[in-house]
Each structure stands twice: as C-alpha cells, then as structure tokens.
Amino acid sequence: MANATSDADFEEFVRRCREAVAQQVSGRTEAFQALWSHGDDVVLIGAAGSHQVGWTDVSAQLTWASQHLDFGNFRVTNLLLAVDDNVAFTVDLEDMSHEVEGQTQRRTLRSSQGYRYEDGQWRVVFRHGDPMAEPITAPNPAG
C-alpha cells in the first residue's frame, strides 16, 4: 500500500466504523460523523429513501436519521472488503432489532461504504444502505 498505512490500520478503521454505525442506528450520531470526510463530494444514500451530496447535507441527514432510530443488537456480516492504495470499500449485511409494543422487530440493511485515505487517515466518503427485501426466486428455465 502506497499510502503508508497498513492493512491492520484499515481493519481497525473498519472496526471503528462498524461500532460507530451501531451507535448511529441507536440514536447517537457523533462517532459516525467523526469518521467522515468533510468534502463536497461525499454521498449518503440512506435507508429512508433519500440521498445527499456534500458534507453539510450528509451531516444534517445523519443527525436527523439518528434522532429517529432506536435499534440495538447490531451485528455485521461482511460480504466483500477491498482496499487499495487510497480507496477502499465494504459490502455488508447489518442486522439489528428493536422493541415495538412488546414485540421484537428485526431489520437487515444491505450496506456499502466507501473510504478514502486523506490527510494521513481513512475517512468515509459514501454510504448506501437499504432494507433487505424479500428474496425473489428466478423462474426455473427447465421448467
């Protein structure tokens, strides 16, 4: 890696990101926002169906979203992780749950996050998250 960071540094950053996302979905946005780049090119495509471009709008949406979320039992299943000199991404399934009127409701998000190495540290530059849909089975071509 040409950016003078190690694989261990990136893995630690991803671990911190996942912890911060767990806080984000439980109503505390500060840790996740602290990991983002503040550039005009950052992008958030949120599970609420919206999209924002640029740090000012992304930050405002993350703040709003955290105020409306109360999930716990956050668990990540990584599907893909790739890292190169100055860019990286993860593709995960994020499982979480909360109680509504005494009933446990579970939620799984399909999430992708992109990262850029800037000013000597990794930063989040995009996040796309959407709820897992019911699987659609493709028809059997044989018949």
N, C-alpha and C. Protein backbone atom coordinates (compact mmCIF):
# COMPACT_ATOMS: atom_id res chain seq x y z
N MET A 1 0.85 -1.19 0.00
CA MET A 1 0.00 0.00 0.00
C MET A 1 0.89 1.24 0.00
N ALA A 2 0.64 2.13 -0.94
CA ALA A 2 1.49 3.29 -1.12
C ALA A 2 1.16 4.44 -0.19
N ASN A 3 0.13 4.31 0.62
CA ASN A 3 -0.30 5.43 1.44
C ASN A 3 0.29 5.40 2.85
N ALA A 4 1.21 4.53 3.10
CA ALA A 4 1.91 4.45 4.40
C ALA A 4 1.01 4.00 5.54
N THR A 5 -0.11 3.38 5.22
CA THR A 5 -0.95 2.77 6.24
C THR A 5 -0.87 1.25 6.03
N SER A 6 -1.17 0.52 7.03
CA SER A 6 -1.10 -0.94 6.91
C SER A 6 -2.51 -1.52 6.80
N ASP A 7 -2.56 -2.79 6.42
CA ASP A 7 -3.84 -3.49 6.41
C ASP A 7 -4.46 -3.47 7.80
N ALA A 8 -3.63 -3.59 8.83
CA ALA A 8 -4.12 -3.56 10.21
C ALA A 8 -4.75 -2.21 10.53
N ASP A 9 -4.16 -1.12 10.02
CA ASP A 9 -4.74 0.21 10.23
C ASP A 9 -6.13 0.30 9.61
N PHE A 10 -6.25 -0.21 8.39
CA PHE A 10 -7.55 -0.17 7.72
C PHE A 10 -8.56 -1.05 8.45
N GLU A 11 -8.16 -2.24 8.84
CA GLU A 11 -9.07 -3.13 9.57
C GLU A 11 -9.54 -2.49 10.87
N GLU A 12 -8.67 -1.79 11.56
CA GLU A 12 -9.05 -1.07 12.78
C GLU A 12 -10.04 0.04 12.45
N PHE A 13 -9.82 0.74 11.36
CA PHE A 13 -10.75 1.80 10.95
C PHE A 13 -12.13 1.21 10.66
N VAL A 14 -12.18 0.09 9.93
CA VAL A 14 -13.46 -0.55 9.62
C VAL A 14 -14.15 -1.00 10.91
N ARG A 15 -13.40 -1.53 11.86
CA ARG A 15 -13.98 -1.92 13.15
C ARG A 15 -14.61 -0.71 13.83
N ARG A 16 -13.89 0.41 13.83
CA ARG A 16 -14.42 1.64 14.43
C ARG A 16 -15.66 2.12 13.69
N CYS A 17 -15.66 2.00 12.37
CA CYS A 17 -16.84 2.40 11.58
C CYS A 17 -18.05 1.58 11.98
N ARG A 18 -17.85 0.27 12.10
CA ARG A 18 -18.99 -0.59 12.45
C ARG A 18 -19.53 -0.27 13.83
N GLU A 19 -18.64 -0.01 14.77
CA GLU A 19 -19.09 0.42 16.10
C GLU A 19 -19.85 1.74 16.02
N ALA A 20 -19.36 2.65 15.19
CA ALA A 20 -20.00 3.96 15.05
C ALA A 20 -21.36 3.83 14.37
N VAL A 21 -21.50 2.95 13.39
CA VAL A 21 -22.80 2.72 12.77
C VAL A 21 -23.77 2.14 13.79
N ALA A 22 -23.30 1.25 14.64
CA ALA A 22 -24.15 0.71 15.70
C ALA A 22 -24.67 1.83 16.59
N GLN A 23 -23.81 2.81 16.89
CA GLN A 23 -24.26 3.96 17.67
C GLN A 23 -25.23 4.82 16.86
N GLN A 24 -24.95 4.99 15.58
CA GLN A 24 -25.82 5.79 14.70
C GLN A 24 -27.24 5.25 14.71
N VAL A 25 -27.41 3.93 14.56
CA VAL A 25 -28.75 3.36 14.49
C VAL A 25 -29.42 3.26 15.86
N SER A 26 -28.66 3.56 16.92
CA SER A 26 -29.27 3.56 18.25
C SER A 26 -29.47 4.99 18.77
N GLY A 27 -29.31 5.98 17.87
CA GLY A 27 -29.65 7.35 18.24
C GLY A 27 -28.48 8.25 18.58
N ARG A 28 -27.25 7.79 18.39
CA ARG A 28 -26.09 8.63 18.72
C ARG A 28 -25.20 8.76 17.48
N THR A 29 -25.20 9.92 16.85
CA THR A 29 -24.56 10.12 15.56
C THR A 29 -23.10 10.57 15.61
N GLU A 30 -22.65 11.09 16.73
CA GLU A 30 -21.35 11.77 16.80
C GLU A 30 -20.17 10.90 16.34
N ALA A 31 -20.11 9.67 16.81
CA ALA A 31 -18.96 8.81 16.48
C ALA A 31 -18.90 8.52 14.98
N PHE A 32 -20.05 8.29 14.35
CA PHE A 32 -20.05 8.00 12.92
C PHE A 32 -19.68 9.25 12.12
N GLN A 33 -20.25 10.38 12.49
CA GLN A 33 -19.92 11.61 11.75
C GLN A 33 -18.45 11.97 11.87
N ALA A 34 -17.82 11.63 12.99
CA ALA A 34 -16.41 11.96 13.18
C ALA A 34 -15.50 11.20 12.21
N LEU A 35 -16.00 10.11 11.61
CA LEU A 35 -15.20 9.30 10.70
C LEU A 35 -15.33 9.71 9.23
N TRP A 36 -16.22 10.63 8.94
CA TRP A 36 -16.48 11.03 7.56
C TRP A 36 -15.50 12.09 7.07
N SER A 37 -15.23 12.05 5.78
CA SER A 37 -14.58 13.17 5.10
C SER A 37 -15.57 14.33 5.11
N HIS A 38 -15.06 15.55 5.13
CA HIS A 38 -15.95 16.71 5.10
C HIS A 38 -15.96 17.36 3.73
N GLY A 39 -15.67 16.58 2.70
CA GLY A 39 -15.60 17.10 1.34
C GLY A 39 -16.96 17.35 0.71
N ASP A 40 -16.92 18.10 -0.37
CA ASP A 40 -18.14 18.39 -1.13
C ASP A 40 -18.58 17.19 -1.96
N ASP A 41 -17.72 16.15 -2.04
CA ASP A 41 -18.03 15.00 -2.88
C ASP A 41 -18.55 13.80 -2.10
N VAL A 42 -18.74 13.91 -0.79
CA VAL A 42 -19.25 12.77 -0.03
C VAL A 42 -20.72 12.54 -0.37
N VAL A 43 -21.15 11.26 -0.28
CA VAL A 43 -22.50 10.90 -0.69
C VAL A 43 -23.12 9.96 0.35
N LEU A 44 -24.37 10.23 0.68
CA LEU A 44 -25.16 9.36 1.54
C LEU A 44 -26.44 8.99 0.79
N ILE A 45 -26.64 7.71 0.60
CA ILE A 45 -27.90 7.21 0.05
C ILE A 45 -28.50 6.37 1.16
N GLY A 46 -29.39 6.98 1.91
CA GLY A 46 -29.86 6.40 3.15
C GLY A 46 -31.03 5.45 2.99
N ALA A 47 -31.23 4.64 4.02
CA ALA A 47 -32.30 3.66 4.05
C ALA A 47 -33.68 4.31 4.07
N ALA A 48 -33.75 5.62 4.37
CA ALA A 48 -35.03 6.31 4.39
C ALA A 48 -35.46 6.74 2.98
N GLY A 49 -34.65 6.37 1.97
CA GLY A 49 -35.03 6.66 0.60
C GLY A 49 -34.51 7.97 0.06
N SER A 50 -33.67 8.62 0.79
CA SER A 50 -33.16 9.92 0.36
C SER A 50 -31.72 9.79 -0.12
N HIS A 51 -31.18 10.88 -0.65
CA HIS A 51 -29.75 10.95 -0.95
C HIS A 51 -29.27 12.38 -0.73
N GLN A 52 -28.04 12.48 -0.26
CA GLN A 52 -27.43 13.77 -0.02
C GLN A 52 -26.02 13.74 -0.62
N VAL A 53 -25.57 14.91 -1.07
CA VAL A 53 -24.23 15.08 -1.61
C VAL A 53 -23.60 16.28 -0.91
N GLY A 54 -22.37 16.12 -0.45
CA GLY A 54 -21.66 17.20 0.24
C GLY A 54 -21.82 17.08 1.75
N TRP A 55 -20.75 17.42 2.47
CA TRP A 55 -20.73 17.19 3.91
C TRP A 55 -21.86 17.89 4.65
N THR A 56 -22.20 19.11 4.29
CA THR A 56 -23.24 19.84 5.02
C THR A 56 -24.56 19.07 4.99
N ASP A 57 -24.97 18.61 3.80
CA ASP A 57 -26.24 17.89 3.68
C ASP A 57 -26.15 16.49 4.27
N VAL A 58 -25.02 15.80 4.07
CA VAL A 58 -24.84 14.46 4.63
C VAL A 58 -24.91 14.52 6.15
N SER A 59 -24.20 15.46 6.74
CA SER A 59 -24.19 15.60 8.20
C SER A 59 -25.59 15.87 8.74
N ALA A 60 -26.33 16.77 8.08
CA ALA A 60 -27.69 17.08 8.53
C ALA A 60 -28.58 15.84 8.46
N GLN A 61 -28.45 15.04 7.40
CA GLN A 61 -29.27 13.83 7.26
C GLN A 61 -28.89 12.78 8.30
N LEU A 62 -27.58 12.61 8.55
CA LEU A 62 -27.16 11.66 9.58
C LEU A 62 -27.70 12.06 10.94
N THR A 63 -27.68 13.35 11.24
CA THR A 63 -28.22 13.84 12.51
C THR A 63 -29.71 13.56 12.60
N TRP A 64 -30.46 13.90 11.54
CA TRP A 64 -31.90 13.65 11.52
C TRP A 64 -32.18 12.16 11.69
N ALA A 65 -31.48 11.32 10.92
CA ALA A 65 -31.74 9.87 10.97
C ALA A 65 -31.50 9.32 12.37
N SER A 66 -30.40 9.73 13.00
CA SER A 66 -30.09 9.18 14.33
C SER A 66 -31.16 9.55 15.35
N GLN A 67 -31.80 10.69 15.16
CA GLN A 67 -32.85 11.13 16.08
C GLN A 67 -34.12 10.30 15.94
N HIS A 68 -34.22 9.53 14.85
CA HIS A 68 -35.43 8.75 14.58
C HIS A 68 -35.18 7.24 14.63
N LEU A 69 -34.01 6.85 15.12
CA LEU A 69 -33.65 5.44 15.17
C LEU A 69 -33.41 4.99 16.61
N ASP A 70 -33.78 3.76 16.89
CA ASP A 70 -33.57 3.20 18.22
C ASP A 70 -33.38 1.69 18.11
N PHE A 71 -32.33 1.28 17.40
CA PHE A 71 -32.06 -0.14 17.19
C PHE A 71 -30.91 -0.59 18.06
N GLY A 72 -30.96 -1.83 18.47
CA GLY A 72 -29.88 -2.46 19.22
C GLY A 72 -29.53 -3.80 18.59
N ASN A 73 -28.76 -4.58 19.32
CA ASN A 73 -28.35 -5.91 18.84
C ASN A 73 -27.77 -5.85 17.43
N PHE A 74 -26.95 -4.84 17.19
CA PHE A 74 -26.34 -4.62 15.87
C PHE A 74 -25.27 -5.66 15.60
N ARG A 75 -25.37 -6.28 14.43
CA ARG A 75 -24.40 -7.30 14.03
C ARG A 75 -24.14 -7.17 12.54
N VAL A 76 -22.88 -7.31 12.14
CA VAL A 76 -22.48 -7.15 10.75
C VAL A 76 -21.99 -8.48 10.19
N THR A 77 -22.43 -8.77 8.98
CA THR A 77 -21.88 -9.87 8.19
C THR A 77 -21.23 -9.24 6.97
N ASN A 78 -19.91 -9.37 6.87
CA ASN A 78 -19.20 -8.79 5.73
C ASN A 78 -19.29 -9.74 4.54
N LEU A 79 -19.66 -9.16 3.39
CA LEU A 79 -19.74 -9.92 2.15
C LEU A 79 -18.53 -9.68 1.25
N LEU A 80 -17.97 -8.47 1.34
CA LEU A 80 -16.85 -8.12 0.48
C LEU A 80 -16.10 -6.95 1.10
N LEU A 81 -14.80 -7.02 1.05
CA LEU A 81 -13.94 -5.93 1.51
C LEU A 81 -12.80 -5.83 0.51
N ALA A 82 -12.55 -4.62 0.05
CA ALA A 82 -11.44 -4.39 -0.88
C ALA A 82 -10.74 -3.11 -0.48
N VAL A 83 -9.42 -3.15 -0.51
CA VAL A 83 -8.63 -1.97 -0.16
C VAL A 83 -7.47 -1.86 -1.12
N ASP A 84 -7.25 -0.65 -1.59
CA ASP A 84 -6.12 -0.35 -2.48
C ASP A 84 -5.37 0.83 -1.86
N ASP A 85 -4.50 1.42 -2.62
CA ASP A 85 -3.63 2.46 -2.07
C ASP A 85 -4.38 3.52 -1.26
N ASN A 86 -5.36 4.17 -1.87
CA ASN A 86 -6.02 5.30 -1.21
C ASN A 86 -7.54 5.21 -1.19
N VAL A 87 -8.08 4.10 -1.67
CA VAL A 87 -9.53 3.91 -1.65
C VAL A 87 -9.84 2.48 -1.21
N ALA A 88 -11.02 2.32 -0.65
CA ALA A 88 -11.45 1.01 -0.18
C ALA A 88 -12.97 1.01 -0.11
N PHE A 89 -13.53 -0.20 0.01
CA PHE A 89 -14.97 -0.29 0.23
C PHE A 89 -15.30 -1.57 0.97
N THR A 90 -16.46 -1.56 1.61
CA THR A 90 -17.01 -2.74 2.26
C THR A 90 -18.45 -2.92 1.79
N VAL A 91 -18.86 -4.18 1.72
CA VAL A 91 -20.25 -4.53 1.43
C VAL A 91 -20.69 -5.46 2.55
N ASP A 92 -21.71 -5.05 3.27
CA ASP A 92 -22.13 -5.77 4.48
C ASP A 92 -23.63 -5.97 4.53
N LEU A 93 -24.03 -6.91 5.36
CA LEU A 93 -25.40 -7.01 5.83
C LEU A 93 -25.39 -6.58 7.29
N GLU A 94 -26.25 -5.65 7.64
CA GLU A 94 -26.31 -5.13 9.01
C GLU A 94 -27.64 -5.55 9.64
N ASP A 95 -27.56 -6.43 10.61
CA ASP A 95 -28.75 -6.91 11.31
C ASP A 95 -28.92 -6.13 12.61
N MET A 96 -30.16 -5.79 12.92
CA MET A 96 -30.45 -5.04 14.15
C MET A 96 -31.90 -5.31 14.54
N SER A 97 -32.26 -4.90 15.75
CA SER A 97 -33.63 -5.10 16.18
C SER A 97 -34.01 -4.02 17.19
N HIS A 98 -35.32 -3.90 17.41
CA HIS A 98 -35.84 -3.05 18.48
C HIS A 98 -37.22 -3.56 18.89
N GLU A 99 -37.67 -3.07 20.02
CA GLU A 99 -38.95 -3.48 20.59
C GLU A 99 -40.01 -2.45 20.23
N VAL A 100 -41.15 -2.93 19.74
CA VAL A 100 -42.30 -2.08 19.47
C VAL A 100 -43.50 -2.75 20.09
N GLU A 101 -44.08 -2.09 21.09
CA GLU A 101 -45.24 -2.60 21.80
C GLU A 101 -45.04 -4.04 22.25
N GLY A 102 -43.85 -4.30 22.81
CA GLY A 102 -43.54 -5.61 23.36
C GLY A 102 -43.11 -6.66 22.35
N GLN A 103 -43.08 -6.30 21.09
CA GLN A 103 -42.69 -7.23 20.03
C GLN A 103 -41.32 -6.85 19.48
N THR A 104 -40.46 -7.84 19.28
CA THR A 104 -39.15 -7.59 18.69
C THR A 104 -39.31 -7.50 17.19
N GLN A 105 -38.85 -6.39 16.65
CA GLN A 105 -38.84 -6.22 15.20
C GLN A 105 -37.39 -6.23 14.73
N ARG A 106 -37.12 -7.07 13.75
CA ARG A 106 -35.77 -7.20 13.20
C ARG A 106 -35.69 -6.46 11.87
N ARG A 107 -34.48 -5.97 11.60
CA ARG A 107 -34.24 -5.24 10.36
C ARG A 107 -32.86 -5.63 9.85
N THR A 108 -32.76 -5.87 8.56
CA THR A 108 -31.47 -6.10 7.93
C THR A 108 -31.29 -5.07 6.83
N LEU A 109 -30.17 -4.36 6.90
CA LEU A 109 -29.82 -3.42 5.83
C LEU A 109 -28.73 -4.02 4.97
N ARG A 110 -28.84 -3.81 3.68
CA ARG A 110 -27.74 -4.09 2.76
C ARG A 110 -26.96 -2.78 2.70
N SER A 111 -25.70 -2.82 3.07
CA SER A 111 -24.95 -1.56 3.12
C SER A 111 -23.63 -1.69 2.37
N SER A 112 -23.27 -0.59 1.73
CA SER A 112 -21.97 -0.45 1.10
C SER A 112 -21.40 0.87 1.60
N GLN A 113 -20.13 0.84 1.93
CA GLN A 113 -19.45 2.07 2.34
C GLN A 113 -18.15 2.17 1.57
N GLY A 114 -17.82 3.40 1.18
CA GLY A 114 -16.56 3.68 0.51
C GLY A 114 -15.70 4.55 1.39
N TYR A 115 -14.39 4.36 1.27
CA TYR A 115 -13.43 5.05 2.13
C TYR A 115 -12.31 5.62 1.27
N ARG A 116 -11.75 6.72 1.74
CA ARG A 116 -10.62 7.34 1.07
C ARG A 116 -9.58 7.68 2.12
N TYR A 117 -8.33 7.47 1.76
CA TYR A 117 -7.22 7.84 2.65
C TYR A 117 -6.88 9.29 2.35
N GLU A 118 -7.11 10.16 3.33
CA GLU A 118 -6.84 11.59 3.12
C GLU A 118 -6.24 12.19 4.38
N ASP A 119 -5.28 13.05 4.17
CA ASP A 119 -4.62 13.74 5.28
C ASP A 119 -4.13 12.77 6.36
N GLY A 120 -3.59 11.62 5.91
CA GLY A 120 -2.99 10.67 6.83
C GLY A 120 -3.93 9.76 7.58
N GLN A 121 -5.21 9.70 7.16
CA GLN A 121 -6.15 8.80 7.82
C GLN A 121 -7.27 8.39 6.87
N TRP A 122 -7.88 7.26 7.18
CA TRP A 122 -9.02 6.79 6.41
C TRP A 122 -10.26 7.59 6.81
N ARG A 123 -11.11 7.87 5.81
CA ARG A 123 -12.37 8.59 6.02
C ARG A 123 -13.47 7.93 5.21
N VAL A 124 -14.70 7.97 5.70
CA VAL A 124 -15.86 7.52 4.95
C VAL A 124 -16.18 8.58 3.91
N VAL A 125 -16.42 8.15 2.66
CA VAL A 125 -16.81 9.09 1.60
C VAL A 125 -18.17 8.77 1.00
N PHE A 126 -18.66 7.53 1.19
CA PHE A 126 -20.03 7.25 0.79
C PHE A 126 -20.60 6.12 1.61
N ARG A 127 -21.91 6.17 1.74
CA ARG A 127 -22.66 5.08 2.37
C ARG A 127 -23.95 4.92 1.60
N HIS A 128 -24.26 3.67 1.28
CA HIS A 128 -25.54 3.33 0.70
C HIS A 128 -26.13 2.22 1.56
N GLY A 129 -27.29 2.44 2.10
CA GLY A 129 -27.95 1.42 2.91
C GLY A 129 -29.42 1.35 2.55
N ASP A 130 -29.90 0.14 2.39
CA ASP A 130 -31.33 -0.02 2.17
C ASP A 130 -31.80 -1.32 2.80
N PRO A 131 -33.09 -1.37 3.17
CA PRO A 131 -33.62 -2.56 3.84
C PRO A 131 -33.60 -3.77 2.91
N MET A 132 -33.31 -4.92 3.49
CA MET A 132 -33.33 -6.18 2.77
C MET A 132 -34.76 -6.46 2.34
N ALA A 133 -34.94 -6.76 1.08
CA ALA A 133 -36.26 -7.11 0.56
C ALA A 133 -36.44 -8.62 0.63
N GLU A 134 -37.67 -9.05 0.52
CA GLU A 134 -37.94 -10.49 0.43
C GLU A 134 -37.30 -11.00 -0.85
N PRO A 135 -36.64 -12.14 -0.78
CA PRO A 135 -35.99 -12.66 -1.99
C PRO A 135 -37.01 -13.03 -3.05
N ILE A 136 -36.63 -12.76 -4.29
CA ILE A 136 -37.45 -13.16 -5.44
C ILE A 136 -36.71 -14.30 -6.11
N THR A 137 -37.37 -15.41 -6.24
CA THR A 137 -36.75 -16.57 -6.86
C THR A 137 -36.93 -16.51 -8.35
N ALA A 138 -35.83 -16.62 -9.09
CA ALA A 138 -35.90 -16.63 -10.54
C ALA A 138 -36.60 -17.90 -11.01
N PRO A 139 -37.38 -17.79 -12.06
CA PRO A 139 -38.05 -19.00 -12.56
C PRO A 139 -37.05 -20.02 -13.07
N ASN A 140 -37.37 -21.26 -12.95
CA ASN A 140 -36.52 -22.35 -13.41
C ASN A 140 -36.67 -22.45 -14.93
N PRO A 141 -35.57 -22.19 -15.70
CA PRO A 141 -35.69 -22.22 -17.16
C PRO A 141 -36.00 -23.61 -17.70
N ALA A 142 -35.75 -24.64 -16.91
CA ALA A 142 -36.01 -26.02 -17.37
C ALA A 142 -37.48 -26.39 -17.22
N GLY A 143 -38.17 -25.52 -16.52
CA GLY A 143 -39.44 -25.82 -16.44
C GLY A 143 -40.58 -25.92 -15.72
